[in-house]
Amino acid sequence: MLENLAHNWNLSPAEAIELQKKLRSQIQLTPLQKPIKLIGGTDLSYNKFSDVIYSGIVLLDAQTMQTVGHSLVIDTMTFPYIPGLLSFREIPSLMKAWAQLPQKPDIMLVDGHGIAHSRRMGIAAHLGLLTQTPTIGCAKNLLFGKYAEPALEKGSYAPILDKTETIGFALRTKDRTNVMYVSPGNLVALEQTVELVMRCTCGYRLPEPTRQAHGTVNALRRGELQAGSWWGKANTLF
């Protein structure tokens, strides 16, 4: 399946948009039924005006939310920053991180959008399709759609709408804190996203998988960690 979905990354923005439209039909929003033992979290970091990108996928024990492994890559970006086409800028290096993971996760929380995207192909959807792994997008900013502000209590949420279609949720992961924008990427049902993300929250706005990934890639950028893979005893790095 992965071989059939692999594609050229050397595309113009117009070609990238056409590819998103083509890949959209491959997304499957089917209920996740297998047990979740290992959760992945992804994030990337880069300095302003630099084409060097620091990418990472962290692995967390689903029961304890402790980090048990990671894969880190230092790479070069070749695609420009264009809203709605983030995956073409960032996924090539994430796929390198995916390839060297010590173990593959049962599900990944991705820093970015899933189907809450004008063409339903945010970075979480694209990454989930290429890896054939369940993914959920967890974004800090709204890209597309409209919603009514949910209540201020943790766990409150409201649908993100494209006209009358629900494409994700504005979710309050912490009391009186800005919402997270969550949406399924691939191989997860829309109605499961809120419950799964809330299972991964540990007192911060960011769910623990993407929070740990954020700290890890920034440590890589600062030279505090080295590129490569690691698998070890459970611990929390950040």
C-alpha atoms as a PDB file:
ATOM      1  CA  MET A   1       0.000   0.000   0.000  1.00  0.00           C
ATOM      2  CA  LEU A   2       2.741   2.426   0.953  1.00  0.00           C
ATOM      3  CA  GLU A   3       4.619   1.785  -2.305  1.00  0.00           C
ATOM      4  CA  ASN A   4       1.486   2.590  -4.310  1.00  0.00           C
ATOM      5  CA  LEU A   5       0.970   5.856  -2.456  1.00  0.00           C
ATOM      6  CA  ALA A   6       4.580   7.053  -2.567  1.00  0.00           C
ATOM      7  CA  HIS A   7       4.987  10.063  -4.826  1.00  0.00           C
ATOM      8  CA  ASN A   8       7.435  12.642  -6.084  1.00  0.00           C
ATOM      9  CA  TRP A   9       7.999  15.590  -3.724  1.00  0.00           C
ATOM     10  CA  ASN A  10       9.576  17.820  -6.372  1.00  0.00           C
ATOM     11  CA  LEU A  11       6.316  19.541  -7.271  1.00  0.00           C
ATOM     12  CA  SER A  12       5.145  23.051  -7.996  1.00  0.00           C
ATOM     13  CA  PRO A  13       2.439  24.473  -5.680  1.00  0.00           C
ATOM     14  CA  ALA A  14      -0.166  23.924  -8.401  1.00  0.00           C
ATOM     15  CA  GLU A  15       0.922  20.299  -8.819  1.00  0.00           C
ATOM     16  CA  ALA A  16       0.845  19.815  -5.043  1.00  0.00           C
ATOM     17  CA  ILE A  17      -2.758  21.030  -4.893  1.00  0.00           C
ATOM     18  CA  GLU A  18      -3.766  18.620  -7.661  1.00  0.00           C
ATOM     19  CA  LEU A  19      -2.062  15.769  -5.805  1.00  0.00           C
ATOM     20  CA  GLN A  20      -3.969  16.616  -2.629  1.00  0.00           C
ATOM     21  CA  LYS A  21      -7.224  16.428  -4.576  1.00  0.00           C
ATOM     22  CA  LYS A  22      -6.207  13.022  -5.935  1.00  0.00           C
ATOM     23  CA  LEU A  23      -5.064  11.606  -2.578  1.00  0.00           C
ATOM     24  CA  ARG A  24      -8.154  12.838  -0.761  1.00  0.00           C
ATOM     25  CA  SER A  25     -10.214   9.883  -1.993  1.00  0.00           C
ATOM     26  CA  GLN A  26      -7.753   7.466  -0.332  1.00  0.00           C
ATOM     27  CA  ILE A  27      -8.400   8.745   3.213  1.00  0.00           C
ATOM     28  CA  GLN A  28     -10.344   6.302   5.367  1.00  0.00           C
ATOM     29  CA  LEU A  29     -12.138   7.632   8.432  1.00  0.00           C
ATOM     30  CA  THR A  30     -12.816   4.211   9.915  1.00  0.00           C
ATOM     31  CA  PRO A  31     -13.127   3.469  13.649  1.00  0.00           C
ATOM     32  CA  LEU A  32      -9.883   2.538  15.395  1.00  0.00           C
ATOM     33  CA  GLN A  33     -10.576  -0.744  17.132  1.00  0.00           C
ATOM     34  CA  LYS A  34      -7.188  -2.255  17.986  1.00  0.00           C
ATOM     35  CA  PRO A  35      -5.674  -1.672  21.448  1.00  0.00           C
ATOM     36  CA  ILE A  36      -3.393   1.339  21.718  1.00  0.00           C
ATOM     37  CA  LYS A  37      -0.129   0.455  23.434  1.00  0.00           C
ATOM     38  CA  LEU A  38       2.315   2.858  21.763  1.00  0.00           C
ATOM     39  CA  ILE A  39       1.479   6.433  20.768  1.00  0.00           C
ATOM     40  CA  GLY A  40       3.577   8.574  18.457  1.00  0.00           C
ATOM     41  CA  GLY A  41       3.849  12.340  18.499  1.00  0.00           C
ATOM     42  CA  THR A  42       5.345  14.449  15.711  1.00  0.00           C
ATOM     43  CA  ASP A  43       6.713  17.964  15.506  1.00  0.00           C
ATOM     44  CA  LEU A  44       9.299  19.982  13.602  1.00  0.00           C
ATOM     45  CA  SER A  45      11.474  22.977  14.385  1.00  0.00           C
ATOM     46  CA  TYR A  46      13.457  25.401  12.254  1.00  0.00           C
ATOM     47  CA  ASN A  47      15.060  28.788  12.526  1.00  0.00           C
ATOM     48  CA  LYS A  48      13.592  31.747  10.705  1.00  0.00           C
ATOM     49  CA  PHE A  49      15.212  32.377   7.297  1.00  0.00           C
ATOM     50  CA  SER A  50      16.865  28.917   7.366  1.00  0.00           C
ATOM     51  CA  ASP A  51      16.016  25.904   5.194  1.00  0.00           C
ATOM     52  CA  VAL A  52      17.360  23.449   7.807  1.00  0.00           C
ATOM     53  CA  ILE A  53      14.573  21.490   9.505  1.00  0.00           C
ATOM     54  CA  TYR A  54      14.698  19.447  12.719  1.00  0.00           C
ATOM     55  CA  SER A  55      12.102  16.675  12.647  1.00  0.00           C
ATOM     56  CA  GLY A  56      11.070  14.180  15.256  1.00  0.00           C
ATOM     57  CA  ILE A  57       8.675  11.406  16.140  1.00  0.00           C
ATOM     58  CA  VAL A  58       8.507  10.472  19.819  1.00  0.00           C
ATOM     59  CA  LEU A  59       7.041   7.246  21.176  1.00  0.00           C
ATOM     60  CA  LEU A  60       5.013   7.174  24.381  1.00  0.00           C
ATOM     61  CA  ASP A  61       3.670   4.343  26.489  1.00  0.00           C
ATOM     62  CA  ALA A  62      -0.104   4.684  26.168  1.00  0.00           C
ATOM     63  CA  GLN A  63      -0.743   3.794  29.806  1.00  0.00           C
ATOM     64  CA  THR A  64       1.792   6.068  31.486  1.00  0.00           C
ATOM     65  CA  MET A  65       2.321   8.782  28.839  1.00  0.00           C
ATOM     66  CA  GLN A  66       6.047   8.335  29.416  1.00  0.00           C
ATOM     67  CA  THR A  67       8.483   8.685  26.513  1.00  0.00           C
ATOM     68  CA  VAL A  68      10.045   5.343  25.580  1.00  0.00           C
ATOM     69  CA  GLY A  69      11.744   6.182  22.284  1.00  0.00           C
ATOM     70  CA  HIS A  70      12.237   8.667  19.494  1.00  0.00           C
ATOM     71  CA  SER A  71      13.548   9.174  15.985  1.00  0.00           C
ATOM     72  CA  LEU A  72      15.214  12.485  15.082  1.00  0.00           C
ATOM     73  CA  VAL A  73      16.308  13.851  11.706  1.00  0.00           C
ATOM     74  CA  ILE A  74      18.125  16.980  10.571  1.00  0.00           C
ATOM     75  CA  ASP A  75      17.179  17.742   6.983  1.00  0.00           C
ATOM     76  CA  THR A  76      16.818  20.491   4.390  1.00  0.00           C
ATOM     77  CA  MET A  77      13.449  21.870   3.251  1.00  0.00           C
ATOM     78  CA  THR A  78      12.953  22.419  -0.477  1.00  0.00           C
ATOM     79  CA  PHE A  79       9.278  23.436  -0.658  1.00  0.00           C
ATOM     80  CA  PRO A  80       8.189  27.012   0.170  1.00  0.00           C
ATOM     81  CA  TYR A  81       5.933  27.902   3.093  1.00  0.00           C
ATOM     82  CA  ILE A  82       2.398  28.008   1.694  1.00  0.00           C
ATOM     83  CA  PRO A  83      -0.656  27.669   3.973  1.00  0.00           C
ATOM     84  CA  GLY A  84      -2.552  24.524   3.067  1.00  0.00           C
ATOM     85  CA  LEU A  85       0.540  22.839   1.588  1.00  0.00           C
ATOM     86  CA  LEU A  86       2.494  22.295   4.804  1.00  0.00           C
ATOM     87  CA  SER A  87       2.860  18.575   4.209  1.00  0.00           C
ATOM     88  CA  PHE A  88       5.024  19.131   1.115  1.00  0.00           C
ATOM     89  CA  ARG A  89       7.433  21.200   3.188  1.00  0.00           C
ATOM     90  CA  GLU A  90       7.599  18.947   6.248  1.00  0.00           C
ATOM     91  CA  ILE A  91       6.616  15.343   5.474  1.00  0.00           C
ATOM     92  CA  PRO A  92       9.763  14.375   3.508  1.00  0.00           C
ATOM     93  CA  SER A  93      11.853  14.707   6.680  1.00  0.00           C
ATOM     94  CA  LEU A  94       9.136  13.113   8.839  1.00  0.00           C
ATOM     95  CA  MET A  95       9.165  10.100   6.532  1.00  0.00           C
ATOM     96  CA  LYS A  96      12.915   9.767   7.173  1.00  0.00           C
ATOM     97  CA  ALA A  97      12.177   9.858  10.906  1.00  0.00           C
ATOM     98  CA  TRP A  98       9.436   7.268  10.390  1.00  0.00           C
ATOM     99  CA  ALA A  99      11.822   4.941   8.535  1.00  0.00           C
ATOM    100  CA  GLN A 100      14.296   4.796  11.437  1.00  0.00           C
ATOM    101  CA  LEU A 101      11.779   4.433  14.293  1.00  0.00           C
ATOM    102  CA  PRO A 102      12.778   1.597  16.643  1.00  0.00           C
ATOM    103  CA  GLN A 103       9.110   0.549  16.755  1.00  0.00           C
ATOM    104  CA  LYS A 104       6.036   1.785  14.894  1.00  0.00           C
ATOM    105  CA  PRO A 105       3.247   3.373  16.981  1.00  0.00           C
ATOM    106  CA  ASP A 106      -0.366   2.229  17.016  1.00  0.00           C
ATOM    107  CA  ILE A 107      -1.516   5.816  16.452  1.00  0.00           C
ATOM    108  CA  MET A 108       0.176   9.188  15.920  1.00  0.00           C
ATOM    109  CA  LEU A 109      -0.813  12.658  17.092  1.00  0.00           C
ATOM    110  CA  VAL A 110       0.526  15.102  14.525  1.00  0.00           C
ATOM    111  CA  ASP A 111       1.312  18.781  15.050  1.00  0.00           C
ATOM    112  CA  GLY A 112      -0.990  20.110  12.328  1.00  0.00           C
ATOM    113  CA  HIS A 113      -4.371  19.457  10.767  1.00  0.00           C
ATOM    114  CA  GLY A 114      -6.032  16.295   9.526  1.00  0.00           C
ATOM    115  CA  ILE A 115      -9.165  16.737   7.411  1.00  0.00           C
ATOM    116  CA  ALA A 116      -9.831  20.214   8.874  1.00  0.00           C
ATOM    117  CA  HIS A 117      -8.406  21.541   5.621  1.00  0.00           C
ATOM    118  CA  SER A 118      -9.971  23.016   2.501  1.00  0.00           C
ATOM    119  CA  ARG A 119      -9.045  19.891   0.491  1.00  0.00           C
ATOM    120  CA  ARG A 120      -9.256  17.521   3.509  1.00  0.00           C
ATOM    121  CA  MET A 121      -5.522  16.826   3.182  1.00  0.00           C
ATOM    122  CA  GLY A 122      -3.704  18.436   6.086  1.00  0.00           C
ATOM    123  CA  ILE A 123      -0.319  17.116   7.179  1.00  0.00           C
ATOM    124  CA  ALA A 124      -1.854  14.545   9.552  1.00  0.00           C
ATOM    125  CA  ALA A 125      -4.027  13.138   6.767  1.00  0.00           C
ATOM    126  CA  HIS A 126      -1.129  13.032   4.299  1.00  0.00           C
ATOM    127  CA  LEU A 127       1.267  11.432   6.809  1.00  0.00           C
ATOM    128  CA  GLY A 128      -1.335   8.907   7.925  1.00  0.00           C
ATOM    129  CA  LEU A 129      -1.974   7.948   4.324  1.00  0.00           C
ATOM    130  CA  LEU A 130       1.707   7.448   3.475  1.00  0.00           C
ATOM    131  CA  THR A 131       2.463   5.450   6.623  1.00  0.00           C
ATOM    132  CA  GLN A 132      -0.908   3.644   6.661  1.00  0.00           C
ATOM    133  CA  THR A 133      -1.072   4.445  10.365  1.00  0.00           C
ATOM    134  CA  PRO A 134      -3.974   5.975  12.327  1.00  0.00           C
ATOM    135  CA  THR A 135      -3.361   9.710  12.768  1.00  0.00           C
ATOM    136  CA  ILE A 136      -5.025  12.675  14.439  1.00  0.00           C
ATOM    137  CA  GLY A 137      -4.160  16.281  13.694  1.00  0.00           C
ATOM    138  CA  CYS A 138      -3.657  18.509  16.751  1.00  0.00           C
ATOM    139  CA  ALA A 139      -3.161  22.121  15.674  1.00  0.00           C
ATOM    140  CA  LYS A 140      -2.704  25.290  17.693  1.00  0.00           C
ATOM    141  CA  ASN A 141      -4.246  27.559  15.038  1.00  0.00           C
ATOM    142  CA  LEU A 142      -7.331  27.245  12.860  1.00  0.00           C
ATOM    143  CA  LEU A 143      -6.634  26.758   9.157  1.00  0.00           C
ATOM    144  CA  PHE A 144     -10.087  26.263   7.689  1.00  0.00           C
ATOM    145  CA  GLY A 145     -13.697  26.177   8.810  1.00  0.00           C
ATOM    146  CA  LYS A 146     -15.762  27.938  11.464  1.00  0.00           C
ATOM    147  CA  TYR A 147     -16.794  27.061  15.013  1.00  0.00           C
ATOM    148  CA  ALA A 148     -18.560  28.468  18.063  1.00  0.00           C
ATOM    149  CA  GLU A 149     -16.312  28.921  21.091  1.00  0.00           C
ATOM    150  CA  PRO A 150     -16.831  25.993  23.512  1.00  0.00           C
ATOM    151  CA  ALA A 151     -17.213  26.358  27.276  1.00  0.00           C
ATOM    152  CA  LEU A 152     -14.086  27.247  29.274  1.00  0.00           C
ATOM    153  CA  GLU A 153     -13.903  23.922  31.144  1.00  0.00           C
ATOM    154  CA  LYS A 154     -11.429  21.201  30.171  1.00  0.00           C
ATOM    155  CA  GLY A 155     -13.035  18.661  27.843  1.00  0.00           C
ATOM    156  CA  SER A 156     -15.505  21.106  26.307  1.00  0.00           C
ATOM    157  CA  TYR A 157     -15.595  21.108  22.533  1.00  0.00           C
ATOM    158  CA  ALA A 158     -17.466  22.421  19.510  1.00  0.00           C
ATOM    159  CA  PRO A 159     -17.563  21.187  15.914  1.00  0.00           C
ATOM    160  CA  ILE A 160     -15.451  22.839  13.233  1.00  0.00           C
ATOM    161  CA  LEU A 161     -17.743  23.239  10.244  1.00  0.00           C
ATOM    162  CA  ASP A 162     -17.341  23.608   6.508  1.00  0.00           C
ATOM    163  CA  LYS A 163     -20.867  24.838   5.816  1.00  0.00           C
ATOM    164  CA  THR A 164     -22.845  21.973   7.411  1.00  0.00           C
ATOM    165  CA  GLU A 165     -20.102  19.316   7.383  1.00  0.00           C
ATOM    166  CA  THR A 166     -18.183  18.620  10.603  1.00  0.00           C
ATOM    167  CA  ILE A 167     -14.462  18.366   9.788  1.00  0.00           C
ATOM    168  CA  GLY A 168     -13.002  18.474  13.297  1.00  0.00           C
ATOM    169  CA  PHE A 169     -13.416  19.952  16.758  1.00  0.00           C
ATOM    170  CA  ALA A 170     -12.278  22.957  18.750  1.00  0.00           C
ATOM    171  CA  LEU A 171     -11.303  21.202  21.985  1.00  0.00           C
ATOM    172  CA  ARG A 172     -10.524  22.761  25.371  1.00  0.00           C
ATOM    173  CA  THR A 173      -7.708  20.564  26.691  1.00  0.00           C
ATOM    174  CA  LYS A 174      -7.167  22.702  29.796  1.00  0.00           C
ATOM    175  CA  ASP A 175      -9.440  24.988  31.813  1.00  0.00           C
ATOM    176  CA  ARG A 176      -9.570  28.571  30.532  1.00  0.00           C
ATOM    177  CA  THR A 177      -6.891  27.957  27.887  1.00  0.00           C
ATOM    178  CA  ASN A 178      -7.054  28.452  24.136  1.00  0.00           C
ATOM    179  CA  VAL A 179      -8.593  25.511  22.320  1.00  0.00           C
ATOM    180  CA  MET A 180      -6.741  22.918  20.248  1.00  0.00           C
ATOM    181  CA  TYR A 181      -8.045  22.161  16.780  1.00  0.00           C
ATOM    182  CA  VAL A 182      -8.308  18.396  16.398  1.00  0.00           C
ATOM    183  CA  SER A 183      -9.368  16.378  13.373  1.00  0.00           C
ATOM    184  CA  PRO A 184      -8.877  12.836  12.111  1.00  0.00           C
ATOM    185  CA  GLY A 185      -6.080  12.257   9.641  1.00  0.00           C
ATOM    186  CA  ASN A 186      -6.483   8.662   8.495  1.00  0.00           C
ATOM    187  CA  LEU A 187      -7.805   5.349   9.856  1.00  0.00           C
ATOM    188  CA  VAL A 188      -9.570   7.044  12.803  1.00  0.00           C
ATOM    189  CA  ALA A 189     -13.250   7.957  12.981  1.00  0.00           C
ATOM    190  CA  LEU A 190     -14.228  11.596  13.385  1.00  0.00           C
ATOM    191  CA  GLU A 191     -16.188  10.853  16.554  1.00  0.00           C
ATOM    192  CA  GLN A 192     -13.154   9.217  18.224  1.00  0.00           C
ATOM    193  CA  THR A 193     -10.810  12.184  17.988  1.00  0.00           C
ATOM    194  CA  VAL A 194     -11.914  14.120  21.068  1.00  0.00           C
ATOM    195  CA  GLU A 195     -11.833  11.088  23.368  1.00  0.00           C
ATOM    196  CA  LEU A 196      -8.437   9.930  22.103  1.00  0.00           C
ATOM    197  CA  VAL A 197      -6.837  13.365  22.395  1.00  0.00           C
ATOM    198  CA  MET A 198      -8.240  13.884  25.887  1.00  0.00           C
ATOM    199  CA  ARG A 199      -6.719  10.543  26.937  1.00  0.00           C
ATOM    200  CA  CYS A 200      -3.341  12.048  26.019  1.00  0.00           C
ATOM    201  CA  THR A 201      -3.634  15.318  27.948  1.00  0.00           C
ATOM    202  CA  CYS A 202      -1.591  15.672  31.146  1.00  0.00           C
ATOM    203  CA  GLY A 203      -2.318  19.142  32.490  1.00  0.00           C
ATOM    204  CA  TYR A 204      -0.988  21.136  29.542  1.00  0.00           C
ATOM    205  CA  ARG A 205      -2.720  22.675  26.541  1.00  0.00           C
ATOM    206  CA  LEU A 206      -0.763  20.433  24.169  1.00  0.00           C
ATOM    207  CA  PRO A 207      -1.488  16.700  24.284  1.00  0.00           C
ATOM    208  CA  GLU A 208       1.502  14.873  25.725  1.00  0.00           C
ATOM    209  CA  PRO A 209       2.674  13.208  22.461  1.00  0.00           C
ATOM    210  CA  THR A 210       2.991  16.503  20.561  1.00  0.00           C
ATOM    211  CA  ARG A 211       4.244  18.332  23.667  1.00  0.00           C
ATOM    212  CA  GLN A 212       7.057  15.818  24.073  1.00  0.00           C
ATOM    213  CA  ALA A 213       7.789  15.974  20.343  1.00  0.00           C
ATOM    214  CA  HIS A 214       7.968  19.770  20.525  1.00  0.00           C
ATOM    215  CA  GLY A 215      10.510  19.696  23.341  1.00  0.00           C
ATOM    216  CA  THR A 216      12.527  16.974  21.641  1.00  0.00           C
ATOM    217  CA  VAL A 217      12.927  18.658  18.245  1.00  0.00           C
ATOM    218  CA  ASN A 218      13.832  21.954  19.885  1.00  0.00           C
ATOM    219  CA  ALA A 219      16.489  20.162  21.945  1.00  0.00           C
ATOM    220  CA  LEU A 220      17.777  18.699  18.668  1.00  0.00           C
ATOM    221  CA  ARG A 221      17.886  22.180  17.132  1.00  0.00           C
ATOM    222  CA  ARG A 222      19.836  23.510  20.132  1.00  0.00           C
ATOM    223  CA  GLY A 223      22.327  20.633  19.916  1.00  0.00           C
ATOM    224  CA  GLU A 224      21.221  19.028  23.191  1.00  0.00           C
ATOM    225  CA  LEU A 225      20.166  15.815  21.414  1.00  0.00           C
ATOM    226  CA  GLN A 226      21.625  14.053  18.390  1.00  0.00           C
ATOM    227  CA  ALA A 227      19.878  12.870  15.236  1.00  0.00           C
ATOM    228  CA  GLY A 228      19.108   9.157  15.124  1.00  0.00           C
ATOM    229  CA  SER A 229      16.839   6.746  16.956  1.00  0.00           C
ATOM    230  CA  TRP A 230      16.591   5.796  20.606  1.00  0.00           C
ATOM    231  CA  TRP A 231      14.619   3.123  22.473  1.00  0.00           C
ATOM    232  CA  GLY A 232      14.929   2.779  26.210  1.00  0.00           C
ATOM    233  CA  LYS A 233      13.343   2.853  29.631  1.00  0.00           C
ATOM    234  CA  ALA A 234      10.222   4.911  30.137  1.00  0.00           C
ATOM    235  CA  ASN A 235      10.907   8.503  31.057  1.00  0.00           C
ATOM    236  CA  THR A 236       9.648  12.011  30.394  1.00  0.00           C
ATOM    237  CA  LEU A 237      12.160  14.146  28.567  1.00  0.00           C
ATOM    238  CA  PHE A 238      10.273  17.451  28.811  1.00  0.00           C
END
